[in-house]
Amino acid sequence: MLVDSHCHLDCIDLSEFDNNFDALIQKAYNAGVEHMLCVSINLDRYPEMLEKVRGFPCISVSAGMHPMADPDKKLSIDYLTQLAVDDKVVAIGETGLDYYYNEGDPEYQRQRFRGHIQVANQLNKPLIVHTRDAGDDTLAILSEEKADLCGGVIHCFTETQAFANQALEMGLMISFSGIVTFRNADALREIAKTIPDDRLLIETDSPYLAPMPYRGKQNQPAYVQQVAETLAKIRNTSVEHIAEISRNNFYRLFKGISINSGCED
């Protein structure tokens, strides 16, 4: 069975599922996905997200603010902590730094990133880290705030080999999304060959970044199979092996999840 270690189920357009959230989850289960981590990006919408997935034992959640969300809003560490103590919450984030679209001073991102790490260390829950065009600052803050204590994952990895090596030295995991299947992702596939078996995760980042052959369409957890197939090919192993190691790593990292908490057919 597969796990989707990072998706945004509350952001998926359900029109192709007859506006039936259960149908989306059932399609994932039918594709061999036993568990999904629904990742928070906006704390204002967090209660609605949690309500949507709370009744599904095969879905866990995180609590946090995407680095580009609500730039004028300060992070309340007390509020984030209050949300994150819920047993349904197995991770803090997604958090991190994104300078790709930044036109001003990104200090607000750095401060919020530090706050997330502090909450993660306080609650001993792992981080979900987003980084784009901010590799040096991301690594520096992770080190300064002692993110090695709580652990975590660099999600949707698109950084360099040097970044990967430093993240691994900190004890972090590396997660690959549908980007690894893209035709122009040769450099990323070379990096994906080097990640140790015990540090590898796979994800969809649904509804974004649909893998080949679905690129350009809405992504969904069922498509994590394509990520596993590509990694199996470039790492010269079987899809079953990729599924097994990524599944084991997922449950080891996100310790609050019961291994038997999959969806029922």
Protein backbone atom coordinates (compact mmCIF):
# COMPACT_ATOMS: atom_id res chain seq x y z
CA MET A 1 0.00 0.00 0.00
CA LEU A 2 1.01 3.60 -0.65
CA VAL A 3 0.82 6.75 1.45
CA ASP A 4 0.49 10.32 0.21
CA SER A 5 2.62 12.27 2.64
CA HIS A 6 1.46 15.71 1.50
CA CYS A 7 -1.83 16.78 -0.06
CA HIS A 8 -4.36 19.59 0.28
CA LEU A 9 -7.64 17.73 0.19
CA ASP A 10 -9.67 20.81 1.08
CA CYS A 11 -8.36 22.59 -2.04
CA ILE A 12 -9.39 19.92 -4.54
CA ASP A 13 -12.23 20.80 -6.91
CA LEU A 14 -14.76 18.03 -6.30
CA SER A 15 -16.77 18.63 -9.47
CA GLU A 16 -15.06 15.70 -11.19
CA PHE A 17 -16.16 13.54 -8.25
CA ASP A 18 -19.81 14.62 -8.45
CA ASN A 19 -19.08 16.98 -5.55
CA ASN A 20 -18.61 13.96 -3.32
CA PHE A 21 -15.60 14.08 -1.01
CA ASP A 22 -16.07 10.40 -0.14
CA ALA A 23 -15.64 9.53 -3.83
CA LEU A 24 -12.26 11.31 -3.91
CA ILE A 25 -11.05 9.33 -0.92
CA GLN A 26 -12.45 6.07 -2.28
CA LYS A 27 -10.62 6.58 -5.58
CA ALA A 28 -7.37 7.03 -3.67
CA TYR A 29 -8.01 3.88 -1.66
CA ASN A 30 -8.85 1.93 -4.82
CA ALA A 31 -5.50 3.08 -6.23
CA GLY A 32 -3.70 1.56 -3.25
CA VAL A 33 -3.37 4.66 -1.05
CA GLU A 34 -3.95 3.68 2.56
CA HIS A 35 -3.22 7.00 4.27
CA MET A 36 -3.06 10.70 3.39
CA LEU A 37 -1.66 13.68 5.26
CA CYS A 38 -3.83 16.74 4.61
CA VAL A 39 -1.54 19.72 5.05
CA SER A 40 -2.63 23.10 6.40
CA ILE A 41 -1.71 26.26 4.50
CA ASN A 42 -4.09 28.84 5.99
CA LEU A 43 -5.10 29.00 9.63
CA ASP A 44 -8.27 30.97 8.86
CA ARG A 45 -9.51 28.02 6.81
CA TYR A 46 -8.09 25.43 9.19
CA PRO A 47 -11.33 24.67 11.12
CA GLU A 48 -13.16 23.99 7.85
CA MET A 49 -10.34 21.72 6.65
CA LEU A 50 -10.33 19.79 9.90
CA GLU A 51 -14.09 19.34 9.84
CA LYS A 52 -13.95 17.96 6.29
CA VAL A 53 -11.50 15.18 7.16
CA ARG A 54 -12.06 14.49 10.85
CA GLY A 55 -14.31 11.47 10.26
CA PHE A 56 -11.73 9.67 8.12
CA PRO A 57 -9.20 7.53 10.03
CA CYS A 58 -7.13 7.30 6.84
CA ILE A 59 -6.50 11.07 6.85
CA SER A 60 -4.24 12.89 9.27
CA VAL A 61 -3.61 16.63 9.30
CA SER A 62 -0.98 19.23 10.04
CA ALA A 63 -1.38 22.70 11.52
CA GLY A 64 0.44 25.70 10.12
CA MET A 65 0.68 28.60 7.67
CA HIS A 66 2.22 28.44 4.21
CA PRO A 67 5.03 31.02 3.98
CA MET A 68 3.12 32.97 1.32
CA ALA A 69 -0.25 32.91 3.12
CA ASP A 70 -1.58 36.15 4.63
CA PRO A 71 1.66 38.15 4.60
CA ASP A 72 0.14 40.86 6.78
CA LYS A 73 -0.86 38.43 9.51
CA LYS A 74 1.45 37.60 12.39
CA LEU A 75 1.67 34.04 13.60
CA SER A 76 0.17 33.49 17.05
CA ILE A 77 2.31 30.81 18.63
CA ASP A 78 -0.30 30.28 21.32
CA TYR A 79 -3.05 29.73 18.74
CA LEU A 80 -0.92 27.38 16.66
CA THR A 81 -0.05 25.41 19.77
CA GLN A 82 -3.70 25.21 20.73
CA LEU A 83 -4.58 23.78 17.31
CA ALA A 84 -1.63 21.42 17.18
CA VAL A 85 -2.29 19.57 20.45
CA ASP A 86 -5.26 17.86 18.76
CA ASP A 87 -4.54 14.13 18.30
CA LYS A 88 -5.52 14.43 14.64
CA VAL A 89 -2.55 16.78 14.11
CA VAL A 90 0.65 14.84 13.45
CA ALA A 91 2.86 17.63 12.07
CA ILE A 92 3.52 21.37 12.09
CA GLY A 93 3.35 23.23 8.79
CA GLU A 94 3.62 23.61 6.03
CA THR A 95 6.06 26.30 6.91
CA GLY A 96 9.30 27.59 5.52
CA LEU A 97 10.46 30.24 3.07
CA ASP A 98 9.39 31.12 -0.46
CA TYR A 99 11.21 33.99 -2.14
CA TYR A 100 10.04 33.17 -5.67
CA TYR A 101 7.30 35.79 -5.80
CA ASN A 102 8.63 37.96 -3.02
CA GLU A 103 8.72 41.66 -3.86
CA GLY A 104 9.38 43.07 -0.40
CA ASP A 105 11.13 42.19 2.81
CA PRO A 106 10.50 38.50 3.58
CA GLU A 107 11.28 38.96 7.26
CA TYR A 108 7.68 38.03 8.11
CA GLN A 109 8.32 34.61 6.55
CA ARG A 110 11.48 34.10 8.57
CA GLN A 111 9.76 35.04 11.83
CA ARG A 112 6.80 32.74 11.16
CA PHE A 113 9.15 29.93 10.17
CA ARG A 114 10.99 30.26 13.48
CA GLY A 115 7.69 30.26 15.35
CA HIS A 116 6.58 27.03 13.67
CA ILE A 117 9.86 25.33 14.58
CA GLN A 118 9.49 26.44 18.19
CA VAL A 119 6.00 24.95 18.37
CA ALA A 120 7.21 21.74 16.73
CA ASN A 121 9.98 21.39 19.30
CA GLN A 122 7.62 22.18 22.16
CA LEU A 123 5.10 19.55 21.08
CA ASN A 124 7.63 17.09 19.64
CA LYS A 125 5.82 16.98 16.31
CA PRO A 126 7.75 17.00 13.02
CA LEU A 127 7.93 19.91 10.60
CA ILE A 128 6.72 20.04 7.03
CA VAL A 129 9.12 22.43 5.29
CA HIS A 130 8.46 24.37 2.10
CA THR A 131 11.43 26.09 0.47
CA ARG A 132 11.77 27.82 -2.89
CA ASP A 133 14.57 30.17 -3.95
CA ALA A 134 15.53 30.38 -0.28
CA GLY A 135 17.80 27.41 0.31
CA ASP A 136 20.53 29.10 2.34
CA ASP A 137 18.12 30.91 4.65
CA THR A 138 16.00 27.79 5.08
CA LEU A 139 18.97 25.71 6.18
CA ALA A 140 20.27 28.47 8.44
CA ILE A 141 16.97 28.86 10.31
CA LEU A 142 16.49 25.11 10.61
CA SER A 143 19.92 24.91 12.21
CA GLU A 144 19.57 27.99 14.44
CA GLU A 145 16.19 26.85 15.78
CA LYS A 146 17.42 23.26 16.32
CA ALA A 147 14.91 21.62 14.00
CA ASP A 148 16.90 18.41 14.35
CA LEU A 149 15.15 17.97 17.72
CA CYS A 150 11.68 17.63 16.23
CA GLY A 151 12.65 16.28 12.81
CA GLY A 152 10.65 16.74 9.68
CA VAL A 153 10.59 16.63 5.92
CA ILE A 154 11.59 18.89 3.05
CA HIS A 155 8.45 18.50 1.01
CA CYS A 156 8.16 18.69 -2.79
CA PHE A 157 11.94 18.67 -3.06
CA THR A 158 13.41 20.83 -5.85
CA GLU A 159 16.64 22.00 -4.25
CA THR A 160 20.27 21.10 -4.98
CA GLN A 161 22.31 18.06 -4.06
CA ALA A 162 24.23 20.17 -1.54
CA PHE A 163 20.96 21.22 0.10
CA ALA A 164 19.79 17.61 0.21
CA ASN A 165 23.05 16.54 1.84
CA GLN A 166 22.75 19.19 4.56
CA ALA A 167 19.09 18.39 5.19
CA LEU A 168 19.98 14.73 5.58
CA GLU A 169 22.76 15.64 8.02
CA MET A 170 20.10 17.39 10.12
CA GLY A 171 18.10 14.16 10.21
CA LEU A 172 15.36 15.41 7.88
CA MET A 173 13.54 13.36 5.28
CA ILE A 174 13.19 14.26 1.60
CA SER A 175 9.87 14.00 -0.22
CA PHE A 176 9.39 13.89 -3.98
CA SER A 177 6.26 14.99 -5.80
CA GLY A 178 5.03 14.71 -9.38
CA ILE A 179 7.79 17.12 -10.44
CA VAL A 180 10.17 14.15 -10.49
CA THR A 181 8.16 12.74 -13.43
CA PHE A 182 8.44 15.89 -15.56
CA ARG A 183 10.49 15.68 -18.76
CA ASN A 184 12.72 18.60 -17.75
CA ALA A 185 13.51 17.21 -14.28
CA ASP A 186 16.67 15.23 -15.10
CA ALA A 187 18.71 17.02 -12.43
CA LEU A 188 16.07 16.29 -9.80
CA ARG A 189 15.97 12.63 -10.78
CA GLU A 190 19.74 12.43 -10.31
CA ILE A 191 19.34 13.75 -6.76
CA ALA A 192 16.48 11.33 -6.12
CA LYS A 193 18.86 8.45 -6.79
CA THR A 194 21.04 9.50 -3.86
CA ILE A 195 18.49 9.73 -1.05
CA PRO A 196 18.88 6.85 1.42
CA ASP A 197 16.01 4.38 1.61
CA ASP A 198 15.25 5.36 5.19
CA ARG A 199 14.82 9.07 4.35
CA LEU A 200 12.56 8.90 1.29
CA LEU A 201 8.93 10.03 1.17
CA ILE A 202 6.51 10.46 -1.72
CA GLU A 203 3.64 12.89 -2.14
CA THR A 204 1.24 14.46 -4.60
CA ASP A 205 0.87 18.01 -3.25
CA SER A 206 -2.68 17.71 -4.60
CA PRO A 207 -4.34 19.52 -6.27
CA TYR A 208 -1.08 20.92 -7.65
CA LEU A 209 1.77 19.45 -9.72
CA ALA A 210 0.01 16.46 -11.26
CA PRO A 211 2.57 13.92 -12.47
CA MET A 212 2.97 12.69 -16.01
CA PRO A 213 0.81 11.64 -17.82
CA TYR A 214 -1.69 13.87 -15.99
CA ARG A 215 0.39 17.07 -16.09
CA GLY A 216 -1.83 20.10 -16.57
CA LYS A 217 -4.78 18.43 -14.90
CA GLN A 218 -5.90 18.59 -11.30
CA ASN A 219 -3.81 16.37 -9.06
CA GLN A 220 -5.24 13.90 -6.53
CA PRO A 221 -3.84 11.37 -4.02
CA ALA A 222 -4.48 8.44 -6.38
CA TYR A 223 -1.69 9.78 -8.59
CA VAL A 224 1.00 9.14 -5.98
CA GLN A 225 1.38 5.82 -7.80
CA GLN A 226 3.04 7.63 -10.71
CA VAL A 227 5.59 9.21 -8.38
CA ALA A 228 6.40 5.78 -6.95
CA GLU A 229 6.77 4.29 -10.43
CA THR A 230 9.22 6.98 -11.53
CA LEU A 231 11.32 6.65 -8.39
CA ALA A 232 11.39 2.88 -8.78
CA LYS A 233 12.67 3.22 -12.34
CA ILE A 234 15.43 5.72 -11.58
CA ARG A 235 16.50 3.93 -8.39
CA ASN A 236 16.53 0.57 -10.18
CA THR A 237 14.10 -1.11 -7.83
CA SER A 238 10.45 -2.13 -7.72
CA VAL A 239 7.36 -0.03 -7.13
CA GLU A 240 6.59 -2.35 -4.24
CA HIS A 241 9.93 -1.48 -2.63
CA ILE A 242 9.35 2.27 -3.01
CA ALA A 243 5.87 1.86 -1.54
CA GLU A 244 7.23 -0.14 1.40
CA ILE A 245 10.11 2.15 2.34
CA SER A 246 8.14 5.38 1.92
CA ARG A 247 5.26 3.91 3.92
CA ASN A 248 7.60 2.81 6.73
CA ASN A 249 9.32 6.21 6.77
CA PHE A 250 5.96 7.99 6.88
CA TYR A 251 4.76 6.14 9.95
CA ARG A 252 8.15 6.50 11.63
CA LEU A 253 8.23 10.26 11.10
CA PHE A 254 4.59 11.02 11.87
CA LYS A 255 4.46 9.08 15.08
CA GLY A 256 0.89 9.96 16.00
CA ILE A 257 -0.59 7.87 13.20
CA SER A 258 -1.79 4.35 13.80
CA ILE A 259 -0.45 2.02 11.11
CA ASN A 260 -3.86 0.37 10.99
CA SER A 261 -5.72 3.64 10.39
CA GLY A 262 -6.33 3.11 6.68
CA CYS A 263 -9.60 3.58 4.84
CA GLU A 264 -12.07 0.77 4.65
CA ASP A 265 -13.25 -0.34 1.24
